[in-house]
Amino acid sequence: MPRNQFQRMIFALITVIITVHAYVFYSLYVINGSTFTAITGETSVISAIGKLGGVQVLGRAVPIWSVVLIEFCFAYTLEVLVGSPLSFKLTCRVFQPGEVHPVIFETAIITATVGIMCPSMSFIAAILYYPYSSMNFNLFTLLANWIKLVCYNLPFAFFSQLLFIQPLVRTVFKTVFSKDLAARASLETSASAAESA
């Protein structure tokens, strides 16, 4: 879909904005919500996080918006520098873009991106959310936390990206760049008509 570096950066930006909010919600509410409410005795997760003083990041309590901002910075940098370029290269090793149906090619790119980004972001999360206050740093505990996060996040990452996030991102991207996409389609149509004539 994106044809130049600017469009790739915008595509990655839209993807990361949606993805980070989904993952912070998933992590805080779905995975850890019952723990937070059990510790504090609160009935809602947001109240429990408030009572805890925020979310522990590097051993310090920070508000949820800080968690979103921190994860956004890591995710966007990783997506632009590693995730998108590497997933495209890996997909092109298996499929040629013009020789396979676009849905298959896009699904392969999504799968490769999840395979790169999920373990990477889970490792960053394992470092950020390591239980520094309750124990001394231990490499084996960090690795165990990383593996646990990958096991929690990988199914959610795959299915949410494939079924919800990427279709939404592509719709938003097509809306934002509708004039450019229409001009490109018109140019391709006239070029193919000139070749057949």
Protein backbone atom coordinates (compact mmCIF):
# COMPACT_ATOMS: atom_id res chain seq x y z
CA MET A 1 0.00 0.00 0.00
CA PRO A 2 2.53 2.71 0.99
CA ARG A 3 4.69 3.66 -2.01
CA ASN A 4 7.30 6.00 -0.52
CA GLN A 5 9.09 6.61 2.76
CA PHE A 6 6.66 9.31 3.93
CA GLN A 7 3.67 7.01 3.37
CA ARG A 8 5.47 4.16 5.13
CA MET A 9 6.11 6.41 8.15
CA ILE A 10 2.43 7.45 8.25
CA PHE A 11 1.28 3.84 7.84
CA ALA A 12 3.55 2.82 10.74
CA LEU A 13 2.30 5.76 12.81
CA ILE A 14 -1.35 4.79 12.34
CA THR A 15 -0.53 1.14 13.10
CA VAL A 16 1.40 1.95 16.27
CA ILE A 17 -1.20 4.42 17.60
CA ILE A 18 -3.94 1.78 17.36
CA THR A 19 -1.73 -1.13 18.45
CA VAL A 20 -0.22 0.50 21.53
CA HIS A 21 -3.64 1.46 22.91
CA ALA A 22 -4.92 -2.08 22.27
CA TYR A 23 -1.92 -3.69 23.96
CA VAL A 24 -1.89 -1.40 26.98
CA PHE A 25 -5.59 -2.13 27.48
CA TYR A 26 -4.97 -5.87 26.98
CA SER A 27 -2.04 -5.92 29.38
CA LEU A 28 -3.55 -3.81 32.15
CA TYR A 29 -7.15 -4.97 32.01
CA VAL A 30 -7.15 -8.51 30.60
CA ILE A 31 -3.86 -9.97 31.85
CA ASN A 32 -3.24 -8.01 35.07
CA GLY A 33 -6.66 -6.57 35.91
CA SER A 34 -7.72 -9.33 38.32
CA THR A 35 -4.36 -9.11 40.12
CA PHE A 36 -4.69 -5.34 40.53
CA THR A 37 -8.24 -5.61 41.88
CA ALA A 38 -7.31 -8.50 44.21
CA ILE A 39 -4.35 -6.58 45.67
CA THR A 40 -6.28 -3.37 46.28
CA GLY A 41 -9.79 -4.69 46.92
CA GLU A 42 -11.18 -2.29 44.31
CA THR A 43 -13.95 -3.39 41.95
CA SER A 44 -12.63 -1.67 38.81
CA VAL A 45 -9.18 -1.94 37.25
CA ILE A 46 -8.75 1.81 36.77
CA SER A 47 -9.55 2.41 40.45
CA ALA A 48 -7.09 -0.32 41.44
CA ILE A 49 -4.35 1.25 39.32
CA GLY A 50 -5.14 4.63 40.87
CA LYS A 51 -4.94 3.16 44.36
CA LEU A 52 -1.59 1.56 43.51
CA GLY A 53 -0.34 5.00 42.44
CA GLY A 54 -0.07 3.99 38.77
CA VAL A 55 1.67 1.26 36.81
CA GLN A 56 5.14 0.13 37.86
CA VAL A 57 7.70 1.01 35.16
CA LEU A 58 11.35 0.42 36.04
CA GLY A 59 10.30 0.18 39.68
CA ARG A 60 8.44 3.52 39.76
CA ALA A 61 4.71 4.14 39.63
CA VAL A 62 3.65 6.12 36.56
CA PRO A 63 0.19 7.05 35.21
CA ILE A 64 -1.37 5.04 32.39
CA TRP A 65 -0.82 7.83 29.84
CA SER A 66 2.93 7.55 30.54
CA VAL A 67 2.81 3.82 29.83
CA VAL A 68 1.09 4.53 26.51
CA LEU A 69 3.69 7.18 25.62
CA ILE A 70 6.66 5.00 26.59
CA GLU A 71 5.35 2.01 24.65
CA PHE A 72 4.49 4.23 21.68
CA CYS A 73 8.07 5.53 21.47
CA PHE A 74 9.58 2.04 21.61
CA ALA A 75 7.01 0.51 19.24
CA TYR A 76 7.21 3.25 16.60
CA THR A 77 11.01 3.25 16.57
CA LEU A 78 11.15 -0.53 16.37
CA GLU A 79 8.42 -0.69 13.69
CA VAL A 80 10.08 1.88 11.44
CA LEU A 81 13.66 0.67 11.84
CA VAL A 82 13.20 -3.10 12.09
CA GLY A 83 9.63 -4.43 11.90
CA SER A 84 8.39 -3.05 8.57
CA PRO A 85 11.59 -3.37 6.51
CA LEU A 86 12.48 -6.84 7.80
CA SER A 87 8.95 -8.24 7.50
CA PHE A 88 8.77 -7.05 3.88
CA LYS A 89 12.16 -8.64 3.08
CA LEU A 90 11.18 -11.91 4.75
CA THR A 91 7.88 -12.01 2.88
CA CYS A 92 9.59 -11.30 -0.44
CA ARG A 93 11.84 -14.32 0.14
CA VAL A 94 8.72 -16.52 0.05
CA PHE A 95 6.34 -14.61 -2.25
CA GLN A 96 6.83 -12.24 -5.16
CA PRO A 97 4.49 -9.21 -4.78
CA GLY A 98 3.18 -9.30 -8.36
CA GLU A 99 2.87 -13.07 -8.62
CA VAL A 100 0.68 -13.81 -5.61
CA HIS A 101 -2.75 -12.49 -4.62
CA PRO A 102 -2.43 -9.24 -2.61
CA VAL A 103 -4.40 -10.67 0.34
CA ILE A 104 -1.92 -13.55 0.68
CA PHE A 105 1.03 -11.17 0.42
CA GLU A 106 -0.42 -8.75 3.01
CA THR A 107 -1.27 -11.65 5.37
CA ALA A 108 2.31 -12.89 5.09
CA ILE A 109 3.63 -9.40 5.89
CA ILE A 110 1.32 -9.15 8.93
CA THR A 111 2.44 -12.57 10.14
CA ALA A 112 6.12 -11.70 9.72
CA THR A 113 5.64 -8.35 11.47
CA VAL A 114 3.93 -10.02 14.43
CA GLY A 115 6.75 -12.60 14.53
CA ILE A 116 9.30 -9.78 14.80
CA MET A 117 7.48 -7.19 16.88
CA CYS A 118 5.80 -9.40 19.49
CA PRO A 119 8.99 -10.97 20.94
CA SER A 120 10.83 -7.64 20.65
CA MET A 121 8.17 -5.55 22.40
CA SER A 122 7.61 -8.33 24.95
CA PHE A 123 11.32 -8.21 25.81
CA ILE A 124 11.16 -4.44 26.24
CA ALA A 125 8.04 -4.87 28.40
CA ALA A 126 9.78 -7.56 30.46
CA ILE A 127 12.54 -5.03 31.24
CA LEU A 128 10.18 -2.09 31.87
CA TYR A 129 7.71 -4.00 34.04
CA TYR A 130 10.20 -6.23 35.83
CA PRO A 131 9.24 -6.51 39.56
CA TYR A 132 12.17 -4.39 40.72
CA SER A 133 10.54 -3.40 44.02
CA SER A 134 9.92 -6.96 45.21
CA MET A 135 13.19 -8.65 44.22
CA ASN A 136 16.77 -8.03 43.18
CA PHE A 137 17.45 -8.18 39.47
CA ASN A 138 17.89 -11.72 38.16
CA LEU A 139 18.53 -12.56 34.49
CA PHE A 140 16.59 -15.83 34.73
CA THR A 141 13.54 -14.04 36.14
CA LEU A 142 13.76 -11.49 33.32
CA LEU A 143 13.92 -14.28 30.69
CA ALA A 144 11.03 -16.14 32.36
CA ASN A 145 8.97 -12.92 32.36
CA TRP A 146 9.83 -12.40 28.68
CA ILE A 147 8.73 -15.92 27.71
CA LYS A 148 5.53 -15.51 29.74
CA LEU A 149 4.77 -12.20 28.00
CA VAL A 150 5.39 -13.73 24.56
CA CYS A 151 2.99 -16.56 25.41
CA TYR A 152 0.33 -14.06 26.54
CA ASN A 153 0.86 -11.58 23.71
CA LEU A 154 1.49 -13.71 20.61
CA PRO A 155 -2.06 -15.07 20.11
CA PHE A 156 -3.57 -11.65 20.83
CA ALA A 157 -1.04 -9.93 18.57
CA PHE A 158 -1.62 -12.29 15.65
CA PHE A 159 -5.40 -12.33 15.70
CA SER A 160 -5.87 -8.65 16.55
CA GLN A 161 -3.48 -7.55 13.79
CA LEU A 162 -4.92 -9.93 11.22
CA LEU A 163 -8.61 -9.46 11.94
CA PHE A 164 -8.98 -5.97 13.39
CA ILE A 165 -5.99 -3.64 13.50
CA GLN A 166 -4.54 -4.00 9.99
CA PRO A 167 -7.93 -3.80 8.22
CA LEU A 168 -8.66 -0.65 10.24
CA VAL A 169 -5.20 0.80 9.50
CA ARG A 170 -5.60 0.12 5.78
CA THR A 171 -9.02 1.78 5.77
CA VAL A 172 -7.68 4.88 7.54
CA PHE A 173 -4.63 4.95 5.26
CA LYS A 174 -6.81 4.72 2.11
CA THR A 175 -8.94 7.58 3.43
CA VAL A 176 -5.94 9.80 4.23
CA PHE A 177 -4.20 9.13 0.90
CA SER A 178 -7.32 8.75 -1.29
CA LYS A 179 -6.20 11.37 -3.84
CA ASP A 180 -2.76 9.81 -4.21
CA LEU A 181 -4.21 6.31 -4.52
CA ALA A 182 -6.75 7.47 -7.14
CA ALA A 183 -4.03 9.25 -9.14
CA ARG A 184 -1.83 6.15 -9.00
CA ALA A 185 -4.71 3.90 -10.13
CA SER A 186 -5.46 6.28 -13.00
CA LEU A 187 -1.80 6.32 -14.03
CA GLU A 188 -1.60 2.50 -13.91
CA THR A 189 -4.82 2.20 -15.98
CA SER A 190 -3.54 4.57 -18.65
CA ALA A 191 -0.14 2.81 -18.71
CA SER A 192 -1.75 -0.61 -19.18
CA ALA A 193 -4.04 0.79 -21.90
CA ALA A 194 -1.02 2.24 -23.71
CA GLU A 195 0.79 -1.12 -23.53
CA SER A 196 -2.18 -3.04 -24.96
CA ALA A 197 -2.66 -0.57 -27.83
